[in-house]
């Protein structure tokens, strides 16, 4: 398998407002583009999982990053490190997509504590990236479960997920 990808994040714009003498303006731009090629060292990755998923009202799922997912070619993925993860909640969701807080074997390297959670609002996204070596650790059988849940009852949620990582 061969991998060549870019992880990009950007916020840019301007902020303008009145004051007594003028209309000051602040122009800002923060962007980063991480380029990754095939491998298991810094600035490299060799595993990719991507999917669009739907959770019923109040449902959750546990994504096992050490042997529980398959790539687009049907190959079982066993992540040792996560280099990047992007979770995008569908705009049409009514409820939040909750990431984290698995009851056991939690992939805690994203969070300060295994019980921590991030709420991804409808139309929102969560992006974490660590291109160096080590990246976010995945420990088979004790720290490999990424829990994703629907925050409430009444309606389903849909989300897109991409996990990029290393096998060694």
N, C-alpha and C. Protein backbone atom coordinates (compact mmCIF):
# COMPACT_ATOMS: atom_id res chain seq x y z
N UNK A 1 0.84 -1.17 0.00
CA UNK A 1 0.00 0.00 0.00
C UNK A 1 0.89 1.24 0.00
N UNK A 2 0.39 2.26 -0.63
CA UNK A 2 1.12 3.53 -0.71
C UNK A 2 0.22 4.64 -0.19
N UNK A 3 0.81 5.59 0.51
CA UNK A 3 0.03 6.67 1.10
C UNK A 3 0.73 8.00 0.83
N UNK A 4 -0.05 8.96 0.41
CA UNK A 4 0.43 10.33 0.23
C UNK A 4 -0.76 11.22 0.53
N UNK A 5 -0.70 11.97 1.64
CA UNK A 5 -1.86 12.78 2.01
C UNK A 5 -1.44 14.06 2.71
N UNK A 6 -2.37 14.99 2.77
CA UNK A 6 -2.17 16.27 3.44
C UNK A 6 -3.31 16.47 4.43
N UNK A 7 -2.96 16.85 5.64
CA UNK A 7 -3.92 17.23 6.67
C UNK A 7 -3.85 18.75 6.75
N UNK A 8 -4.98 19.43 6.49
CA UNK A 8 -4.98 20.88 6.47
C UNK A 8 -6.00 21.45 7.44
N UNK A 9 -5.60 22.56 8.06
CA UNK A 9 -6.51 23.32 8.92
C UNK A 9 -6.24 24.80 8.68
N UNK A 10 -7.31 25.59 8.62
CA UNK A 10 -7.12 27.01 8.36
C UNK A 10 -8.29 27.82 8.93
N UNK A 11 -7.94 28.93 9.55
CA UNK A 11 -8.92 29.96 9.92
C UNK A 11 -8.32 31.28 9.47
N UNK A 12 -9.06 32.01 8.63
CA UNK A 12 -8.58 33.32 8.22
C UNK A 12 -9.75 34.24 7.99
N UNK A 13 -9.49 35.52 8.14
CA UNK A 13 -10.57 36.47 7.95
C UNK A 13 -10.18 37.84 8.46
N UNK A 14 -11.20 38.64 8.69
CA UNK A 14 -10.96 39.95 9.28
C UNK A 14 -12.08 40.26 10.25
N UNK A 15 -11.74 41.13 11.17
CA UNK A 15 -12.65 41.53 12.24
C UNK A 15 -12.64 43.06 12.24
N UNK A 16 -13.80 43.65 12.06
CA UNK A 16 -13.87 45.10 11.96
C UNK A 16 -14.93 45.64 12.91
N UNK A 17 -14.67 46.81 13.44
CA UNK A 17 -15.64 47.42 14.34
C UNK A 17 -15.39 48.91 14.46
N UNK A 18 -16.40 49.64 14.87
CA UNK A 18 -16.24 51.10 14.99
C UNK A 18 -15.62 51.50 16.33
N UNK A 19 -14.96 52.64 16.32
CA UNK A 19 -14.59 53.31 17.56
C UNK A 19 -14.72 54.81 17.31
N UNK A 20 -14.25 55.66 18.22
CA UNK A 20 -14.47 57.10 18.11
C UNK A 20 -13.83 57.75 16.89
N UNK A 21 -12.68 57.25 16.46
CA UNK A 21 -11.93 57.94 15.40
C UNK A 21 -11.92 57.22 14.06
N UNK A 22 -12.13 55.93 14.05
CA UNK A 22 -12.00 55.20 12.79
C UNK A 22 -12.74 53.87 12.90
N UNK A 23 -12.59 53.09 11.88
CA UNK A 23 -13.14 51.74 11.87
C UNK A 23 -11.96 50.77 11.82
N UNK A 24 -11.37 50.44 12.99
CA UNK A 24 -10.21 49.56 12.99
C UNK A 24 -10.57 48.17 12.48
N UNK A 25 -9.56 47.53 11.97
CA UNK A 25 -9.76 46.21 11.39
C UNK A 25 -8.57 45.32 11.76
N UNK A 26 -8.85 44.10 12.09
CA UNK A 26 -7.81 43.12 12.34
C UNK A 26 -7.90 42.05 11.27
N UNK A 27 -6.80 41.80 10.60
CA UNK A 27 -6.72 40.72 9.62
C UNK A 27 -5.95 39.59 10.28
N UNK A 28 -6.47 38.38 10.18
CA UNK A 28 -5.79 37.25 10.82
C UNK A 28 -5.82 36.04 9.90
N UNK A 29 -4.82 35.20 10.08
CA UNK A 29 -4.73 33.97 9.31
C UNK A 29 -3.86 32.99 10.08
N UNK A 30 -4.40 31.82 10.30
CA UNK A 30 -3.63 30.74 10.91
C UNK A 30 -3.94 29.49 10.09
N UNK A 31 -2.90 28.91 9.54
CA UNK A 31 -3.11 27.70 8.74
C UNK A 31 -1.94 26.77 8.91
N UNK A 32 -2.20 25.52 8.69
CA UNK A 32 -1.16 24.50 8.76
C UNK A 32 -1.52 23.40 7.78
N UNK A 33 -0.52 22.92 7.09
CA UNK A 33 -0.68 21.79 6.17
C UNK A 33 0.39 20.77 6.51
N UNK A 34 -0.03 19.62 6.99
CA UNK A 34 0.88 18.54 7.34
C UNK A 34 0.90 17.55 6.19
N UNK A 35 2.05 17.31 5.63
CA UNK A 35 2.18 16.38 4.52
C UNK A 35 2.75 15.07 5.04
N UNK A 36 2.08 13.97 4.72
CA UNK A 36 2.48 12.65 5.18
C UNK A 36 2.70 11.73 3.99
N UNK A 37 3.74 10.90 4.09
CA UNK A 37 4.01 9.89 3.08
C UNK A 37 4.04 8.52 3.75
N UNK A 38 4.15 7.48 2.97
CA UNK A 38 4.11 6.11 3.49
C UNK A 38 5.28 5.83 4.42
N UNK A 39 4.98 5.28 5.58
CA UNK A 39 6.01 4.88 6.53
C UNK A 39 5.50 4.89 7.95
N UNK A 40 6.41 4.64 8.90
CA UNK A 40 6.02 4.57 10.31
C UNK A 40 6.86 5.51 11.18
N UNK A 41 7.55 6.45 10.58
CA UNK A 41 8.36 7.42 11.32
C UNK A 41 7.63 8.77 11.36
N UNK A 42 8.29 9.78 11.90
CA UNK A 42 7.72 11.13 11.93
C UNK A 42 7.38 11.58 10.52
N UNK A 43 6.27 12.32 10.39
CA UNK A 43 5.78 12.83 9.09
C UNK A 43 5.37 11.70 8.14
N UNK A 44 5.07 10.54 8.70
CA UNK A 44 4.68 9.38 7.90
C UNK A 44 3.47 8.68 8.52
N UNK A 45 2.78 7.90 7.70
CA UNK A 45 1.66 7.07 8.15
C UNK A 45 1.49 5.94 7.14
N UNK A 46 0.88 4.85 7.59
CA UNK A 46 0.66 3.73 6.67
C UNK A 46 -0.71 3.08 6.80
N UNK A 47 -1.60 3.68 7.62
CA UNK A 47 -2.95 3.14 7.80
C UNK A 47 -3.97 4.27 7.67
N UNK A 48 -5.09 3.96 7.00
CA UNK A 48 -6.18 4.93 6.88
C UNK A 48 -7.51 4.20 7.01
N UNK A 49 -8.35 4.72 7.90
CA UNK A 49 -9.74 4.27 8.02
C UNK A 49 -10.62 5.46 7.73
N UNK A 50 -11.60 5.29 6.85
CA UNK A 50 -12.55 6.37 6.58
C UNK A 50 -13.93 5.77 6.36
N UNK A 51 -14.94 6.51 6.83
CA UNK A 51 -16.30 5.98 6.73
C UNK A 51 -17.30 7.09 7.04
N UNK A 52 -18.52 6.91 6.57
CA UNK A 52 -19.67 7.70 6.99
C UNK A 52 -20.51 6.76 7.83
N UNK A 53 -20.86 7.21 9.05
CA UNK A 53 -21.54 6.32 9.98
C UNK A 53 -22.79 7.02 10.54
N UNK A 54 -23.78 6.22 10.92
CA UNK A 54 -25.01 6.75 11.51
C UNK A 54 -25.29 6.01 12.80
N UNK A 55 -25.64 6.79 13.83
CA UNK A 55 -26.00 6.22 15.12
C UNK A 55 -27.46 6.55 15.41
N UNK A 56 -28.22 5.55 15.80
CA UNK A 56 -29.62 5.76 16.18
C UNK A 56 -29.70 6.66 17.40
N UNK A 57 -30.88 7.15 17.70
CA UNK A 57 -31.09 8.00 18.87
C UNK A 57 -30.53 7.33 20.12
N UNK A 58 -29.74 8.06 20.89
CA UNK A 58 -29.14 7.61 22.15
C UNK A 58 -28.15 6.45 21.99
N UNK A 59 -27.80 6.07 20.78
CA UNK A 59 -26.90 4.94 20.56
C UNK A 59 -25.44 5.38 20.63
N UNK A 60 -24.56 4.38 20.78
CA UNK A 60 -23.12 4.62 20.74
C UNK A 60 -22.45 3.44 20.08
N UNK A 61 -21.20 3.64 19.69
CA UNK A 61 -20.41 2.55 19.15
C UNK A 61 -18.98 2.70 19.64
N UNK A 62 -18.29 1.57 19.73
CA UNK A 62 -16.90 1.54 20.15
C UNK A 62 -16.05 1.12 18.97
N UNK A 63 -15.26 2.06 18.46
CA UNK A 63 -14.38 1.77 17.33
C UNK A 63 -13.06 1.24 17.88
N UNK A 64 -12.77 -0.03 17.58
CA UNK A 64 -11.56 -0.69 18.07
C UNK A 64 -10.44 -0.43 17.07
N UNK A 65 -9.50 0.44 17.45
CA UNK A 65 -8.43 0.83 16.54
C UNK A 65 -7.30 -0.19 16.48
N UNK A 66 -7.37 -1.23 17.28
CA UNK A 66 -6.33 -2.27 17.25
C UNK A 66 -6.95 -3.58 16.78
N UNK A 67 -7.36 -3.62 15.52
CA UNK A 67 -7.85 -4.86 14.94
C UNK A 67 -9.33 -4.94 14.69
N UNK A 68 -10.08 -3.88 14.99
CA UNK A 68 -11.53 -3.93 14.84
C UNK A 68 -12.08 -3.21 13.62
N UNK A 69 -11.21 -2.57 12.84
CA UNK A 69 -11.65 -1.82 11.66
C UNK A 69 -10.92 -2.33 10.43
N UNK A 70 -11.51 -2.07 9.26
CA UNK A 70 -10.87 -2.45 8.00
C UNK A 70 -10.74 -1.23 7.10
N UNK A 71 -9.74 -1.24 6.26
CA UNK A 71 -9.56 -0.12 5.33
C UNK A 71 -10.43 -0.32 4.09
N UNK A 72 -10.29 0.54 3.11
CA UNK A 72 -11.11 0.50 1.89
C UNK A 72 -10.87 -0.75 1.07
N UNK A 73 -9.77 -1.45 1.34
CA UNK A 73 -9.43 -2.66 0.58
C UNK A 73 -9.74 -3.94 1.36
N UNK A 74 -10.40 -3.78 2.52
CA UNK A 74 -10.79 -4.92 3.33
C UNK A 74 -9.70 -5.43 4.24
N UNK A 75 -8.58 -4.73 4.35
CA UNK A 75 -7.48 -5.15 5.21
C UNK A 75 -7.76 -4.72 6.65
N UNK A 76 -7.59 -5.62 7.60
CA UNK A 76 -7.76 -5.29 9.01
C UNK A 76 -6.69 -4.30 9.44
N UNK A 77 -7.10 -3.28 10.17
CA UNK A 77 -6.18 -2.23 10.61
C UNK A 77 -5.84 -2.40 12.08
N UNK A 78 -4.57 -2.38 12.39
CA UNK A 78 -4.10 -2.41 13.77
C UNK A 78 -3.21 -1.20 13.98
N UNK A 79 -3.83 -0.13 14.48
CA UNK A 79 -3.10 1.10 14.74
C UNK A 79 -2.23 0.93 15.99
N UNK A 80 -1.01 1.43 15.92
CA UNK A 80 -0.14 1.55 17.08
C UNK A 80 -0.08 3.02 17.51
N UNK A 81 -0.23 3.90 16.53
CA UNK A 81 -0.30 5.34 16.78
C UNK A 81 -1.33 5.95 15.83
N UNK A 82 -2.00 7.00 16.30
CA UNK A 82 -2.89 7.79 15.46
C UNK A 82 -2.17 9.10 15.16
N UNK A 83 -2.01 9.39 13.88
CA UNK A 83 -1.34 10.62 13.44
C UNK A 83 -2.37 11.74 13.28
N UNK A 84 -3.56 11.40 12.80
CA UNK A 84 -4.62 12.40 12.63
C UNK A 84 -5.98 11.72 12.71
N UNK A 85 -6.94 12.45 13.25
CA UNK A 85 -8.33 12.00 13.24
C UNK A 85 -9.19 13.22 12.94
N UNK A 86 -10.14 13.03 12.03
CA UNK A 86 -11.10 14.07 11.69
C UNK A 86 -12.49 13.47 11.82
N UNK A 87 -13.32 14.12 12.61
CA UNK A 87 -14.72 13.71 12.76
C UNK A 87 -15.57 14.92 12.40
N UNK A 88 -16.45 14.75 11.43
CA UNK A 88 -17.31 15.82 10.93
C UNK A 88 -18.75 15.40 11.15
N UNK A 89 -19.48 16.16 11.96
CA UNK A 89 -20.90 15.89 12.21
C UNK A 89 -21.73 16.45 11.06
N UNK A 90 -22.70 15.70 10.61
CA UNK A 90 -23.56 16.15 9.52
C UNK A 90 -24.33 17.41 9.92
N UNK A 91 -24.49 18.31 8.98
CA UNK A 91 -25.22 19.56 9.24
C UNK A 91 -26.66 19.31 9.63
N UNK A 92 -27.26 18.25 9.10
CA UNK A 92 -28.66 17.96 9.38
C UNK A 92 -28.92 17.30 10.72
N UNK A 93 -27.86 16.99 11.48
CA UNK A 93 -28.06 16.40 12.81
C UNK A 93 -28.81 17.37 13.72
N UNK A 94 -29.61 16.82 14.60
CA UNK A 94 -30.24 17.60 15.66
C UNK A 94 -29.41 17.48 16.93
N UNK A 95 -28.87 16.30 17.18
CA UNK A 95 -28.08 16.02 18.37
C UNK A 95 -26.58 16.17 18.07
N UNK A 96 -25.80 16.25 19.14
CA UNK A 96 -24.34 16.30 19.01
C UNK A 96 -23.79 14.89 18.79
N UNK A 97 -22.60 14.82 18.21
CA UNK A 97 -21.81 13.60 18.15
C UNK A 97 -20.81 13.70 19.30
N UNK A 98 -20.84 12.72 20.20
CA UNK A 98 -19.97 12.73 21.38
C UNK A 98 -18.80 11.79 21.13
N UNK A 99 -17.58 12.31 21.29
CA UNK A 99 -16.38 11.52 21.04
C UNK A 99 -15.63 11.33 22.35
N UNK A 100 -15.34 10.06 22.68
CA UNK A 100 -14.57 9.76 23.89
C UNK A 100 -15.42 9.19 24.99
N UNK A 101 -14.76 8.87 26.11
CA UNK A 101 -15.45 8.40 27.30
C UNK A 101 -15.87 6.95 27.27
N UNK A 102 -15.12 6.09 26.58
CA UNK A 102 -15.46 4.67 26.58
C UNK A 102 -15.37 4.12 28.00
N UNK A 103 -16.26 3.18 28.38
CA UNK A 103 -16.26 2.66 29.74
C UNK A 103 -15.04 1.81 30.08
N UNK A 104 -14.38 1.25 29.07
CA UNK A 104 -13.16 0.47 29.31
C UNK A 104 -12.29 0.49 28.06
N UNK A 105 -11.01 0.24 28.25
CA UNK A 105 -10.03 0.20 27.16
C UNK A 105 -10.04 1.47 26.32
N UNK A 106 -10.28 2.59 26.97
CA UNK A 106 -10.42 3.88 26.29
C UNK A 106 -9.12 4.31 25.62
N UNK A 107 -9.25 4.78 24.39
CA UNK A 107 -8.14 5.45 23.71
C UNK A 107 -8.01 6.81 24.38
N UNK A 108 -7.21 6.88 25.43
CA UNK A 108 -7.14 8.08 26.26
C UNK A 108 -6.05 9.05 25.82
N UNK A 109 -5.22 8.67 24.86
CA UNK A 109 -4.09 9.53 24.49
C UNK A 109 -4.54 10.84 23.85
N UNK A 110 -5.80 10.94 23.40
CA UNK A 110 -6.34 12.20 22.88
C UNK A 110 -6.75 13.15 24.01
N UNK A 111 -7.04 12.58 25.17
CA UNK A 111 -7.69 13.32 26.24
C UNK A 111 -6.80 13.36 27.47
N UNK A 112 -7.13 14.24 28.41
CA UNK A 112 -6.41 14.30 29.67
C UNK A 112 -6.80 13.16 30.59
N UNK A 113 -7.99 12.60 30.40
CA UNK A 113 -8.51 11.55 31.25
C UNK A 113 -9.38 10.63 30.41
N UNK A 114 -9.42 9.36 30.75
CA UNK A 114 -10.17 8.37 29.98
C UNK A 114 -11.66 8.66 29.91
N UNK A 115 -12.20 9.43 30.86
CA UNK A 115 -13.63 9.73 30.86
C UNK A 115 -13.96 11.02 30.10
N UNK A 116 -12.95 11.73 29.63
CA UNK A 116 -13.19 12.99 28.91
C UNK A 116 -13.91 12.75 27.59
N UNK A 117 -14.73 13.75 27.21
CA UNK A 117 -15.50 13.68 25.97
C UNK A 117 -15.43 15.02 25.26
N UNK A 118 -15.61 14.98 23.95
CA UNK A 118 -15.71 16.19 23.14
C UNK A 118 -17.06 16.13 22.42
N UNK A 119 -17.81 17.24 22.46
CA UNK A 119 -19.09 17.32 21.76
C UNK A 119 -18.85 17.98 20.41
N UNK A 120 -19.19 17.27 19.35
CA UNK A 120 -19.10 17.82 18.00
C UNK A 120 -20.52 18.23 17.60
N UNK A 121 -20.75 19.52 17.51
CA UNK A 121 -22.07 20.07 17.22
C UNK A 121 -22.46 19.79 15.77
N UNK A 122 -23.77 19.81 15.45
CA UNK A 122 -24.20 19.62 14.07
C UNK A 122 -23.47 20.57 13.12
N UNK A 123 -22.90 20.01 12.07
CA UNK A 123 -22.13 20.79 11.10
C UNK A 123 -20.72 21.08 11.54
N UNK A 124 -20.36 20.70 12.76
CA UNK A 124 -19.03 20.98 13.30
C UNK A 124 -18.05 19.86 13.01
N UNK A 125 -16.81 20.11 13.42
CA UNK A 125 -15.79 19.09 13.22
C UNK A 125 -14.78 19.10 14.34
N UNK A 126 -14.13 17.97 14.48
CA UNK A 126 -13.03 17.78 15.43
C UNK A 126 -11.85 17.29 14.62
N UNK A 127 -10.72 17.99 14.74
CA UNK A 127 -9.49 17.58 14.06
C UNK A 127 -8.37 17.56 15.08
N UNK A 128 -7.72 16.44 15.20
CA UNK A 128 -6.52 16.30 16.01
C UNK A 128 -5.43 15.74 15.12
N UNK A 129 -4.22 16.28 15.25
CA UNK A 129 -3.11 15.80 14.44
C UNK A 129 -1.83 15.85 15.25
N UNK A 130 -1.00 14.85 15.07
CA UNK A 130 0.29 14.74 15.74
C UNK A 130 1.25 14.06 14.78
N UNK A 131 1.87 14.82 13.86
CA UNK A 131 2.69 14.20 12.82
C UNK A 131 4.04 13.69 13.31
N UNK A 132 4.47 14.10 14.50
CA UNK A 132 5.77 13.68 15.02
C UNK A 132 5.76 12.24 15.46
N UNK A 133 6.87 11.83 16.02
CA UNK A 133 6.99 10.46 16.50
C UNK A 133 7.51 10.52 17.92
N UNK A 134 6.72 10.17 18.94
CA UNK A 134 5.46 9.45 18.83
C UNK A 134 4.27 10.38 18.55
N UNK A 135 3.22 9.76 18.03
CA UNK A 135 1.94 10.45 17.83
C UNK A 135 1.04 10.03 18.99
N UNK A 136 -0.28 9.93 18.77
CA UNK A 136 -1.20 9.49 19.82
C UNK A 136 -1.15 7.97 19.92
N UNK A 137 -0.78 7.46 21.10
CA UNK A 137 -0.58 6.03 21.29
C UNK A 137 -1.89 5.26 21.31
N UNK A 138 -1.86 4.09 20.69
CA UNK A 138 -2.95 3.11 20.74
C UNK A 138 -2.37 1.86 21.38
N UNK A 139 -2.98 1.38 22.45
CA UNK A 139 -2.48 0.20 23.14
C UNK A 139 -3.52 -0.91 23.03
N UNK A 140 -3.19 -1.96 22.27
CA UNK A 140 -4.12 -3.06 22.05
C UNK A 140 -4.60 -3.63 23.39
N UNK A 141 -5.90 -3.86 23.48
CA UNK A 141 -6.58 -4.49 24.61
C UNK A 141 -6.73 -3.61 25.85
N UNK A 142 -5.98 -2.50 25.96
CA UNK A 142 -6.12 -1.65 27.14
C UNK A 142 -6.36 -0.18 26.81
N UNK A 143 -6.07 0.25 25.59
CA UNK A 143 -6.24 1.65 25.23
C UNK A 143 -6.44 1.81 23.74
N UNK A 144 -7.48 1.13 23.22
CA UNK A 144 -7.67 1.13 21.77
C UNK A 144 -9.11 1.42 21.32
N UNK A 145 -9.99 1.77 22.26
CA UNK A 145 -11.40 1.99 21.92
C UNK A 145 -11.71 3.48 21.84
N UNK A 146 -12.16 3.92 20.68
CA UNK A 146 -12.64 5.28 20.49
C UNK A 146 -14.17 5.21 20.47
N UNK A 147 -14.78 5.69 21.53
CA UNK A 147 -16.24 5.66 21.62
C UNK A 147 -16.81 6.88 20.90
N UNK A 148 -17.87 6.65 20.12
CA UNK A 148 -18.60 7.72 19.45
C UNK A 148 -20.07 7.49 19.78
N UNK A 149 -20.75 8.55 20.21
CA UNK A 149 -22.14 8.39 20.67
C UNK A 149 -23.03 9.51 20.15
N UNK A 150 -24.32 9.21 20.12
CA UNK A 150 -25.36 10.19 19.85
C UNK A 150 -25.73 10.80 21.21
N UNK A 151 -25.73 12.11 21.30
CA UNK A 151 -25.90 12.78 22.60
C UNK A 151 -27.29 12.68 23.21
N UNK A 152 -28.30 12.30 22.42
CA UNK A 152 -29.65 12.36 22.98
C UNK A 152 -30.60 11.43 22.24
N UNK A 153 -31.82 11.47 22.66
CA UNK A 153 -32.87 10.66 22.04
C UNK A 153 -33.58 11.48 20.96
N UNK A 154 -34.48 10.84 20.27
CA UNK A 154 -35.34 11.56 19.33
C UNK A 154 -34.91 11.47 17.88
N UNK A 155 -33.61 11.47 17.61
CA UNK A 155 -33.18 11.41 16.21
C UNK A 155 -31.78 10.82 16.11
N UNK A 156 -31.50 10.28 14.94
CA UNK A 156 -30.19 9.71 14.65
C UNK A 156 -29.18 10.82 14.37
N UNK A 157 -27.90 10.49 14.44
CA UNK A 157 -26.84 11.39 14.00
C UNK A 157 -25.99 10.67 12.97
N UNK A 158 -25.46 11.44 12.04
CA UNK A 158 -24.55 10.92 11.03
C UNK A 158 -23.25 11.69 11.15
N UNK A 159 -22.14 10.97 10.97
CA UNK A 159 -20.84 11.63 11.01
C UNK A 159 -19.88 10.96 10.04
N UNK A 160 -18.93 11.73 9.56
CA UNK A 160 -17.84 11.23 8.75
C UNK A 160 -16.61 11.12 9.65
N UNK A 161 -15.81 10.09 9.44
CA UNK A 161 -14.60 9.91 10.24
C UNK A 161 -13.45 9.48 9.32
N UNK A 162 -12.28 10.04 9.57
CA UNK A 162 -11.05 9.60 8.94
C UNK A 162 -10.02 9.49 10.05
N UNK A 163 -9.40 8.30 10.14
CA UNK A 163 -8.32 8.07 11.10
C UNK A 163 -7.09 7.69 10.29
N UNK A 164 -6.00 8.40 10.51
CA UNK A 164 -4.74 8.16 9.83
C UNK A 164 -3.72 7.77 10.88
N UNK A 165 -2.97 6.71 10.65
CA UNK A 165 -2.03 6.29 11.68
C UNK A 165 -0.91 5.43 11.20
N UNK A 166 -0.24 4.82 12.18
CA UNK A 166 0.93 3.99 11.93
C UNK A 166 0.74 2.60 12.51
N UNK A 167 1.30 1.62 11.84
CA UNK A 167 1.22 0.23 12.29
C UNK A 167 2.40 -0.15 13.18
N UNK A 168 3.38 0.70 13.29
CA UNK A 168 4.56 0.41 14.14
C UNK A 168 5.10 1.68 14.71
